[in-house]
Amino acid sequence: MHRLDRQSKDKIEAFVGITNAHEKMALRCLQAADWSIEAAIEIYYQSVPPAPAQVSVPQRTSQTALQQLYQRYQDPHSDMILAEGVGLFCEDLQVIPEDPVMLVLSRHFSAATMCEFSKDEFIKGMASLRCDSIKKLQQKLPGLRAELQDDKKFKEIYNYTYSFALDKGKKCMPQDTAISLWRLLFSVKPWPLLDAWCAFLEQHHNRAVSRDTWIQLLDFCRAVKEDLSNFEESGSAWPYLLDDFVEYMRNGKKLEDR
């Protein structure tokens, strides 16, 4: 196998975990699909003859096992998994709660609120992943991590994170929460201007971050060059906060008085 970077190796590992194909086949399919896992899997299944029906047995989950697993994490005073239970869940999975893969997993569970799972979210989410044990879910983690490397999936996870992290009954996200989540998400897909953006917010904004700003920041990261030279030509009506950020950067990290 040619020398590959860590991201490419992770995608190969995820592909093999999903398809049980050899690594050479995984490499060929991923290269043909421009390293999109979803497209590579489609190419693979189009090129491989279907296995005999008696060999391929759909994997089913045990409802009894799922109920027992839920009870391990359930809060003793409510029919929910709350922060303490989520912490134990992460401990069993051998990941820290701040691991970005937990955002991916929460999205698969259709979780509505950070640091908690309803019984329905947990059991249906585990079943959708065909997992009824921690060991099975651990085996799925490389594939879940790989979703963060796919641009389309990353955007879906990024957009989901805003609603997921909102305090109940609130429409905007506290700035410190937004900054923490940006640092978490962009640790996976680095943005060179992240530190400058966070410093700008802390110096000149200091209030809640709107959904529009959150969503459009990712588009800004992808459309606008690091030196901001194509900002005017990027073809979007950016939120005023991003206009101010560009001015801040071009003026040597200062904003003119208004």
C-alpha atoms as a PDB file:
ATOM      1  CA  MET A   1       0.000   0.000   0.000  1.00  0.00           C
ATOM      2  CA  HIS A   2       1.260   3.475  -0.819  1.00  0.00           C
ATOM      3  CA  ARG A   3       2.165   5.804   2.018  1.00  0.00           C
ATOM      4  CA  LEU A   4      -1.082   7.239   3.309  1.00  0.00           C
ATOM      5  CA  ASP A   5      -1.892   9.955   5.808  1.00  0.00           C
ATOM      6  CA  ARG A   6      -3.808   9.229   9.013  1.00  0.00           C
ATOM      7  CA  GLN A   7      -7.127  10.442   7.573  1.00  0.00           C
ATOM      8  CA  SER A   8      -6.848   8.075   4.590  1.00  0.00           C
ATOM      9  CA  LYS A   9      -5.921   5.135   6.834  1.00  0.00           C
ATOM     10  CA  ASP A  10      -8.941   5.859   9.054  1.00  0.00           C
ATOM     11  CA  LYS A  11     -11.226   5.809   6.008  1.00  0.00           C
ATOM     12  CA  ILE A  12      -9.748   2.489   4.852  1.00  0.00           C
ATOM     13  CA  GLU A  13     -10.266   1.039   8.334  1.00  0.00           C
ATOM     14  CA  ALA A  14     -13.861   2.277   8.384  1.00  0.00           C
ATOM     15  CA  PHE A  15     -14.531   0.889   4.883  1.00  0.00           C
ATOM     16  CA  VAL A  16     -13.149  -2.530   5.871  1.00  0.00           C
ATOM     17  CA  GLY A  17     -15.193  -2.480   9.082  1.00  0.00           C
ATOM     18  CA  ILE A  18     -18.407  -1.846   7.129  1.00  0.00           C
ATOM     19  CA  THR A  19     -17.833  -4.138   4.118  1.00  0.00           C
ATOM     20  CA  ASN A  20     -15.353  -6.769   5.401  1.00  0.00           C
ATOM     21  CA  ALA A  21     -13.410  -6.183   2.174  1.00  0.00           C
ATOM     22  CA  HIS A  22      -9.624  -6.473   1.914  1.00  0.00           C
ATOM     23  CA  GLU A  23      -7.566  -3.312   2.387  1.00  0.00           C
ATOM     24  CA  LYS A  24      -6.451  -3.332  -1.266  1.00  0.00           C
ATOM     25  CA  MET A  25     -10.090  -3.346  -2.383  1.00  0.00           C
ATOM     26  CA  ALA A  26     -10.864  -0.582   0.120  1.00  0.00           C
ATOM     27  CA  LEU A  27      -8.021   1.532  -1.281  1.00  0.00           C
ATOM     28  CA  ARG A  28      -9.166   1.013  -4.890  1.00  0.00           C
ATOM     29  CA  CYS A  29     -12.776   1.913  -4.141  1.00  0.00           C
ATOM     30  CA  LEU A  30     -11.888   4.971  -2.058  1.00  0.00           C
ATOM     31  CA  GLN A  31      -9.509   6.272  -4.707  1.00  0.00           C
ATOM     32  CA  ALA A  32     -12.172   5.763  -7.379  1.00  0.00           C
ATOM     33  CA  ALA A  33     -14.680   7.651  -5.192  1.00  0.00           C
ATOM     34  CA  ASP A  34     -12.309  10.529  -4.446  1.00  0.00           C
ATOM     35  CA  TRP A  35     -12.140   9.297  -0.827  1.00  0.00           C
ATOM     36  CA  SER A  36     -15.886   9.606  -0.117  1.00  0.00           C
ATOM     37  CA  ILE A  37     -16.783   6.593   2.032  1.00  0.00           C
ATOM     38  CA  GLU A  38     -20.433   6.507   0.968  1.00  0.00           C
ATOM     39  CA  ALA A  39     -19.542   6.615  -2.745  1.00  0.00           C
ATOM     40  CA  ALA A  40     -16.785   4.027  -2.254  1.00  0.00           C
ATOM     41  CA  ILE A  41     -19.186   1.607  -0.561  1.00  0.00           C
ATOM     42  CA  GLU A  42     -21.635   2.046  -3.454  1.00  0.00           C
ATOM     43  CA  ILE A  43     -18.851   1.292  -5.954  1.00  0.00           C
ATOM     44  CA  TYR A  44     -17.860  -1.787  -3.950  1.00  0.00           C
ATOM     45  CA  TYR A  45     -21.340  -3.292  -3.799  1.00  0.00           C
ATOM     46  CA  GLN A  46     -21.909  -2.585  -7.491  1.00  0.00           C
ATOM     47  CA  SER A  47     -18.736  -4.478  -8.384  1.00  0.00           C
ATOM     48  CA  VAL A  48     -19.025  -7.460  -6.026  1.00  0.00           C
ATOM     49  CA  PRO A  49     -21.512 -10.266  -6.816  1.00  0.00           C
ATOM     50  CA  PRO A  50     -24.136 -10.743  -4.076  1.00  0.00           C
ATOM     51  CA  ALA A  51     -23.406 -13.564  -1.634  1.00  0.00           C
ATOM     52  CA  PRO A  52     -25.733 -16.592  -1.569  1.00  0.00           C
ATOM     53  CA  ALA A  53     -28.857 -15.906   0.469  1.00  0.00           C
ATOM     54  CA  GLN A  54     -28.104 -18.654   2.974  1.00  0.00           C
ATOM     55  CA  VAL A  55     -24.721 -17.114   3.795  1.00  0.00           C
ATOM     56  CA  SER A  56     -25.898 -13.534   4.401  1.00  0.00           C
ATOM     57  CA  VAL A  57     -27.917 -13.336   7.596  1.00  0.00           C
ATOM     58  CA  PRO A  58     -29.167  -9.905   8.692  1.00  0.00           C
ATOM     59  CA  GLN A  59     -27.727  -8.874  12.036  1.00  0.00           C
ATOM     60  CA  ARG A  60     -30.453  -8.357  14.599  1.00  0.00           C
ATOM     61  CA  THR A  61     -30.345  -6.676  17.954  1.00  0.00           C
ATOM     62  CA  SER A  62     -31.594  -8.173  21.182  1.00  0.00           C
ATOM     63  CA  GLN A  63     -34.265  -6.007  22.770  1.00  0.00           C
ATOM     64  CA  THR A  64     -33.526  -7.656  26.111  1.00  0.00           C
ATOM     65  CA  ALA A  65     -29.841  -6.736  25.824  1.00  0.00           C
ATOM     66  CA  LEU A  66     -30.734  -3.173  24.828  1.00  0.00           C
ATOM     67  CA  GLN A  67     -33.093  -2.805  27.797  1.00  0.00           C
ATOM     68  CA  GLN A  68     -30.395  -4.067  30.158  1.00  0.00           C
ATOM     69  CA  LEU A  69     -27.834  -1.732  28.645  1.00  0.00           C
ATOM     70  CA  TYR A  70     -30.206   1.210  28.989  1.00  0.00           C
ATOM     71  CA  GLN A  71     -30.836   0.341  32.645  1.00  0.00           C
ATOM     72  CA  ARG A  72     -27.096   0.432  33.315  1.00  0.00           C
ATOM     73  CA  TYR A  73     -27.005   4.130  32.390  1.00  0.00           C
ATOM     74  CA  GLN A  74     -30.516   5.192  33.419  1.00  0.00           C
ATOM     75  CA  ASP A  75     -30.850   7.906  36.051  1.00  0.00           C
ATOM     76  CA  PRO A  76     -32.231   6.396  39.289  1.00  0.00           C
ATOM     77  CA  HIS A  77     -34.844   9.129  39.599  1.00  0.00           C
ATOM     78  CA  SER A  78     -36.126   9.432  36.005  1.00  0.00           C
ATOM     79  CA  ASP A  79     -36.677   7.433  32.851  1.00  0.00           C
ATOM     80  CA  MET A  80     -33.721   9.135  31.142  1.00  0.00           C
ATOM     81  CA  ILE A  81     -29.986   8.828  30.794  1.00  0.00           C
ATOM     82  CA  LEU A  82     -28.616  12.057  32.255  1.00  0.00           C
ATOM     83  CA  ALA A  83     -25.112  13.526  32.526  1.00  0.00           C
ATOM     84  CA  GLU A  84     -23.793  10.936  34.985  1.00  0.00           C
ATOM     85  CA  GLY A  85     -25.101   8.073  32.852  1.00  0.00           C
ATOM     86  CA  VAL A  86     -23.659   9.609  29.682  1.00  0.00           C
ATOM     87  CA  GLY A  87     -20.312   9.846  31.475  1.00  0.00           C
ATOM     88  CA  LEU A  88     -20.464   6.136  32.372  1.00  0.00           C
ATOM     89  CA  PHE A  89     -21.486   5.322  28.786  1.00  0.00           C
ATOM     90  CA  CYS A  90     -18.395   7.176  27.516  1.00  0.00           C
ATOM     91  CA  GLU A  91     -16.225   5.419  30.104  1.00  0.00           C
ATOM     92  CA  ASP A  92     -17.469   2.018  28.913  1.00  0.00           C
ATOM     93  CA  LEU A  93     -16.828   3.028  25.291  1.00  0.00           C
ATOM     94  CA  GLN A  94     -13.344   4.208  26.315  1.00  0.00           C
ATOM     95  CA  VAL A  95     -13.836   7.695  24.867  1.00  0.00           C
ATOM     96  CA  ILE A  96     -13.950  11.034  26.641  1.00  0.00           C
ATOM     97  CA  PRO A  97     -17.262  12.959  26.581  1.00  0.00           C
ATOM     98  CA  GLU A  98     -15.539  15.721  24.573  1.00  0.00           C
ATOM     99  CA  ASP A  99     -14.543  13.312  21.786  1.00  0.00           C
ATOM    100  CA  PRO A 100     -16.118  14.537  18.485  1.00  0.00           C
ATOM    101  CA  VAL A 101     -17.326  10.994  17.801  1.00  0.00           C
ATOM    102  CA  MET A 102     -19.932  11.544  20.545  1.00  0.00           C
ATOM    103  CA  LEU A 103     -21.540  14.222  18.361  1.00  0.00           C
ATOM    104  CA  VAL A 104     -21.771  11.700  15.522  1.00  0.00           C
ATOM    105  CA  LEU A 105     -23.210   9.069  17.829  1.00  0.00           C
ATOM    106  CA  SER A 106     -25.733  11.516  19.301  1.00  0.00           C
ATOM    107  CA  ARG A 107     -26.895  12.388  15.802  1.00  0.00           C
ATOM    108  CA  HIS A 108     -27.435   8.690  15.018  1.00  0.00           C
ATOM    109  CA  PHE A 109     -29.480   8.518  18.218  1.00  0.00           C
ATOM    110  CA  SER A 110     -31.465  11.615  17.076  1.00  0.00           C
ATOM    111  CA  ALA A 111     -30.710  13.031  20.527  1.00  0.00           C
ATOM    112  CA  ALA A 112     -32.461  16.330  21.144  1.00  0.00           C
ATOM    113  CA  THR A 113     -30.351  17.637  24.026  1.00  0.00           C
ATOM    114  CA  MET A 114     -26.682  17.465  24.952  1.00  0.00           C
ATOM    115  CA  CYS A 115     -25.671  15.289  27.929  1.00  0.00           C
ATOM    116  CA  GLU A 116     -28.861  13.244  27.969  1.00  0.00           C
ATOM    117  CA  PHE A 117     -30.641  10.482  26.081  1.00  0.00           C
ATOM    118  CA  SER A 118     -34.277   9.516  26.367  1.00  0.00           C
ATOM    119  CA  LYS A 119     -35.034   5.806  26.516  1.00  0.00           C
ATOM    120  CA  ASP A 120     -36.447   5.952  22.993  1.00  0.00           C
ATOM    121  CA  GLU A 121     -33.388   7.790  21.637  1.00  0.00           C
ATOM    122  CA  PHE A 122     -30.944   5.348  23.211  1.00  0.00           C
ATOM    123  CA  ILE A 123     -32.663   2.077  22.319  1.00  0.00           C
ATOM    124  CA  LYS A 124     -33.725   3.065  18.804  1.00  0.00           C
ATOM    125  CA  GLY A 125     -30.340   4.661  18.153  1.00  0.00           C
ATOM    126  CA  MET A 126     -28.436   1.554  19.214  1.00  0.00           C
ATOM    127  CA  ALA A 127     -30.781  -0.632  17.161  1.00  0.00           C
ATOM    128  CA  SER A 128     -30.299   1.589  14.087  1.00  0.00           C
ATOM    129  CA  LEU A 129     -26.568   0.923  14.378  1.00  0.00           C
ATOM    130  CA  ARG A 130     -27.273  -2.805  14.879  1.00  0.00           C
ATOM    131  CA  CYS A 131     -25.584  -2.744  18.256  1.00  0.00           C
ATOM    132  CA  ASP A 132     -26.849  -4.326  21.462  1.00  0.00           C
ATOM    133  CA  SER A 133     -23.569  -4.280  23.382  1.00  0.00           C
ATOM    134  CA  ILE A 134     -20.734  -1.905  24.121  1.00  0.00           C
ATOM    135  CA  LYS A 135     -18.311  -4.193  22.253  1.00  0.00           C
ATOM    136  CA  LYS A 136     -20.374  -3.975  19.063  1.00  0.00           C
ATOM    137  CA  LEU A 137     -20.632  -0.207  19.353  1.00  0.00           C
ATOM    138  CA  GLN A 138     -16.873   0.079  19.890  1.00  0.00           C
ATOM    139  CA  GLN A 139     -16.394  -1.776  16.613  1.00  0.00           C
ATOM    140  CA  LYS A 140     -18.559   0.855  14.905  1.00  0.00           C
ATOM    141  CA  LEU A 141     -16.546   3.814  16.189  1.00  0.00           C
ATOM    142  CA  PRO A 142     -14.015   3.933  13.308  1.00  0.00           C
ATOM    143  CA  GLY A 143     -16.887   4.190  10.829  1.00  0.00           C
ATOM    144  CA  LEU A 144     -18.576   6.888  12.909  1.00  0.00           C
ATOM    145  CA  ARG A 145     -15.309   8.832  13.106  1.00  0.00           C
ATOM    146  CA  ALA A 146     -14.918   8.564   9.356  1.00  0.00           C
ATOM    147  CA  GLU A 147     -18.207  10.446   8.899  1.00  0.00           C
ATOM    148  CA  LEU A 148     -16.417  13.528  10.242  1.00  0.00           C
ATOM    149  CA  GLN A 149     -13.952  13.323   7.343  1.00  0.00           C
ATOM    150  CA  ASP A 150     -16.688  13.324   4.697  1.00  0.00           C
ATOM    151  CA  ASP A 151     -17.544  16.931   3.776  1.00  0.00           C
ATOM    152  CA  LYS A 152     -21.260  16.290   3.337  1.00  0.00           C
ATOM    153  CA  LYS A 153     -21.580  14.312   6.581  1.00  0.00           C
ATOM    154  CA  PHE A 154     -19.455  16.838   8.465  1.00  0.00           C
ATOM    155  CA  LYS A 155     -21.795  19.642   7.442  1.00  0.00           C
ATOM    156  CA  GLU A 156     -24.817  17.644   8.585  1.00  0.00           C
ATOM    157  CA  ILE A 157     -23.164  16.928  11.951  1.00  0.00           C
ATOM    158  CA  TYR A 158     -22.034  20.555  12.264  1.00  0.00           C
ATOM    159  CA  ASN A 159     -25.547  21.905  11.627  1.00  0.00           C
ATOM    160  CA  TYR A 160     -27.099  19.326  13.981  1.00  0.00           C
ATOM    161  CA  THR A 161     -24.723  20.359  16.767  1.00  0.00           C
ATOM    162  CA  TYR A 162     -26.292  23.815  17.070  1.00  0.00           C
ATOM    163  CA  SER A 163     -29.774  22.518  17.947  1.00  0.00           C
ATOM    164  CA  PHE A 164     -28.325  19.694  20.039  1.00  0.00           C
ATOM    165  CA  ALA A 165     -26.296  22.080  22.201  1.00  0.00           C
ATOM    166  CA  LEU A 166     -28.969  24.744  22.713  1.00  0.00           C
ATOM    167  CA  ASP A 167     -30.245  25.179  26.252  1.00  0.00           C
ATOM    168  CA  LYS A 168     -33.883  24.148  26.506  1.00  0.00           C
ATOM    169  CA  GLY A 169     -36.216  26.967  25.560  1.00  0.00           C
ATOM    170  CA  LYS A 170     -33.429  29.116  24.081  1.00  0.00           C
ATOM    171  CA  LYS A 171     -33.102  30.227  20.454  1.00  0.00           C
ATOM    172  CA  CYS A 172     -29.454  31.343  20.513  1.00  0.00           C
ATOM    173  CA  MET A 173     -26.306  29.695  21.838  1.00  0.00           C
ATOM    174  CA  PRO A 174     -24.123  31.291  24.544  1.00  0.00           C
ATOM    175  CA  GLN A 175     -20.889  32.513  23.011  1.00  0.00           C
ATOM    176  CA  ASP A 176     -18.634  30.444  25.282  1.00  0.00           C
ATOM    177  CA  THR A 177     -20.537  27.283  24.339  1.00  0.00           C
ATOM    178  CA  ALA A 178     -20.258  28.118  20.629  1.00  0.00           C
ATOM    179  CA  ILE A 179     -16.510  28.744  20.918  1.00  0.00           C
ATOM    180  CA  SER A 180     -15.975  25.435  22.740  1.00  0.00           C
ATOM    181  CA  LEU A 181     -17.935  23.551  20.078  1.00  0.00           C
ATOM    182  CA  TRP A 182     -16.135  25.307  17.215  1.00  0.00           C
ATOM    183  CA  ARG A 183     -12.827  24.281  18.752  1.00  0.00           C
ATOM    184  CA  LEU A 184     -14.087  20.713  19.075  1.00  0.00           C
ATOM    185  CA  LEU A 185     -15.440  20.429  15.521  1.00  0.00           C
ATOM    186  CA  PHE A 186     -12.553  22.229  13.850  1.00  0.00           C
ATOM    187  CA  SER A 187     -10.101  19.951  15.629  1.00  0.00           C
ATOM    188  CA  VAL A 188     -11.282  17.405  13.057  1.00  0.00           C
ATOM    189  CA  LYS A 189     -11.286  19.710  10.030  1.00  0.00           C
ATOM    190  CA  PRO A 190      -8.855  22.504  10.953  1.00  0.00           C
ATOM    191  CA  TRP A 191      -9.648  26.102   9.979  1.00  0.00           C
ATOM    192  CA  PRO A 192      -6.519  28.310  10.044  1.00  0.00           C
ATOM    193  CA  LEU A 193      -8.468  31.382  11.194  1.00  0.00           C
ATOM    194  CA  LEU A 194     -10.194  29.703  14.149  1.00  0.00           C
ATOM    195  CA  ASP A 195      -8.047  31.292  16.867  1.00  0.00           C
ATOM    196  CA  ALA A 196      -8.454  34.741  15.302  1.00  0.00           C
ATOM    197  CA  TRP A 197     -12.233  34.225  15.010  1.00  0.00           C
ATOM    198  CA  CYS A 198     -12.555  33.224  18.669  1.00  0.00           C
ATOM    199  CA  ALA A 199     -10.391  36.170  19.791  1.00  0.00           C
ATOM    200  CA  PHE A 200     -12.508  38.520  17.671  1.00  0.00           C
ATOM    201  CA  LEU A 201     -15.716  37.272  19.294  1.00  0.00           C
ATOM    202  CA  GLU A 202     -14.315  37.577  22.794  1.00  0.00           C
ATOM    203  CA  GLN A 203     -13.101  41.137  22.140  1.00  0.00           C
ATOM    204  CA  HIS A 204     -15.945  42.567  20.080  1.00  0.00           C
ATOM    205  CA  HIS A 205     -19.071  40.426  20.353  1.00  0.00           C
ATOM    206  CA  ASN A 206     -19.635  38.941  23.808  1.00  0.00           C
ATOM    207  CA  ARG A 207     -23.224  37.871  23.279  1.00  0.00           C
ATOM    208  CA  ALA A 208     -25.156  34.858  22.070  1.00  0.00           C
ATOM    209  CA  VAL A 209     -24.443  33.348  18.654  1.00  0.00           C
ATOM    210  CA  SER A 210     -27.377  33.025  16.264  1.00  0.00           C
ATOM    211  CA  ARG A 211     -28.186  29.925  14.230  1.00  0.00           C
ATOM    212  CA  ASP A 212     -27.567  31.907  11.009  1.00  0.00           C
ATOM    213  CA  THR A 213     -24.055  32.872  12.114  1.00  0.00           C
ATOM    214  CA  TRP A 214     -23.309  29.301  13.183  1.00  0.00           C
ATOM    215  CA  ILE A 215     -24.426  27.769   9.891  1.00  0.00           C
ATOM    216  CA  GLN A 216     -22.847  30.359   7.643  1.00  0.00           C
ATOM    217  CA  LEU A 217     -19.484  30.218   9.383  1.00  0.00           C
ATOM    218  CA  LEU A 218     -18.837  26.758   7.915  1.00  0.00           C
ATOM    219  CA  ASP A 219     -19.749  28.036   4.438  1.00  0.00           C
ATOM    220  CA  PHE A 220     -17.391  30.977   5.032  1.00  0.00           C
ATOM    221  CA  CYS A 221     -14.566  28.614   6.039  1.00  0.00           C
ATOM    222  CA  ARG A 222     -14.996  26.644   2.832  1.00  0.00           C
ATOM    223  CA  ALA A 223     -15.550  29.552   0.445  1.00  0.00           C
ATOM    224  CA  VAL A 224     -13.157  32.244   1.660  1.00  0.00           C
ATOM    225  CA  LYS A 225      -9.380  31.876   1.446  1.00  0.00           C
ATOM    226  CA  GLU A 226      -7.201  32.100   4.521  1.00  0.00           C
ATOM    227  CA  ASP A 227      -5.866  35.515   3.376  1.00  0.00           C
ATOM    228  CA  LEU A 228      -9.486  36.700   2.774  1.00  0.00           C
ATOM    229  CA  SER A 229      -8.475  37.855  -0.704  1.00  0.00           C
ATOM    230  CA  ASN A 230     -11.636  36.481  -2.318  1.00  0.00           C
ATOM    231  CA  PHE A 231     -14.089  37.658   0.343  1.00  0.00           C
ATOM    232  CA  GLU A 232     -15.866  40.160  -1.926  1.00  0.00           C
ATOM    233  CA  GLU A 233     -15.993  37.657  -4.781  1.00  0.00           C
ATOM    234  CA  SER A 234     -17.260  34.743  -2.687  1.00  0.00           C
ATOM    235  CA  GLY A 235     -20.794  35.495  -3.827  1.00  0.00           C
ATOM    236  CA  SER A 236     -22.614  35.346  -0.499  1.00  0.00           C
ATOM    237  CA  ALA A 237     -24.410  37.869   1.667  1.00  0.00           C
ATOM    238  CA  TRP A 238     -22.564  37.045   4.857  1.00  0.00           C
ATOM    239  CA  PRO A 239     -23.932  37.905   8.337  1.00  0.00           C
ATOM    240  CA  TYR A 240     -22.741  41.288   9.596  1.00  0.00           C
ATOM    241  CA  LEU A 241     -20.566  39.523  12.179  1.00  0.00           C
ATOM    242  CA  LEU A 242     -18.483  37.931   9.426  1.00  0.00           C
ATOM    243  CA  ASP A 243     -18.207  41.293   7.657  1.00  0.00           C
ATOM    244  CA  ASP A 244     -16.871  42.735  10.909  1.00  0.00           C
ATOM    245  CA  PHE A 245     -14.446  39.832  11.302  1.00  0.00           C
ATOM    246  CA  VAL A 246     -12.976  40.470   7.856  1.00  0.00           C
ATOM    247  CA  GLU A 247     -12.584  44.163   8.691  1.00  0.00           C
ATOM    248  CA  TYR A 248     -10.956  43.212  12.005  1.00  0.00           C
ATOM    249  CA  MET A 249      -8.423  40.988  10.229  1.00  0.00           C
ATOM    250  CA  ARG A 250      -7.646  43.483   7.471  1.00  0.00           C
ATOM    251  CA  ASN A 251      -7.133  46.292   9.977  1.00  0.00           C
ATOM    252  CA  GLY A 252      -4.537  44.402  11.954  1.00  0.00           C
ATOM    253  CA  LYS A 253      -7.082  42.880  14.338  1.00  0.00           C
ATOM    254  CA  LYS A 254      -8.721  46.188  15.153  1.00  0.00           C
ATOM    255  CA  LEU A 255     -12.220  47.479  14.454  1.00  0.00           C
ATOM    256  CA  GLU A 256     -12.890  51.078  13.570  1.00  0.00           C
ATOM    257  CA  ASP A 257     -15.147  52.948  15.991  1.00  0.00           C
ATOM    258  CA  ARG A 258     -18.701  53.227  14.733  1.00  0.00           C
END
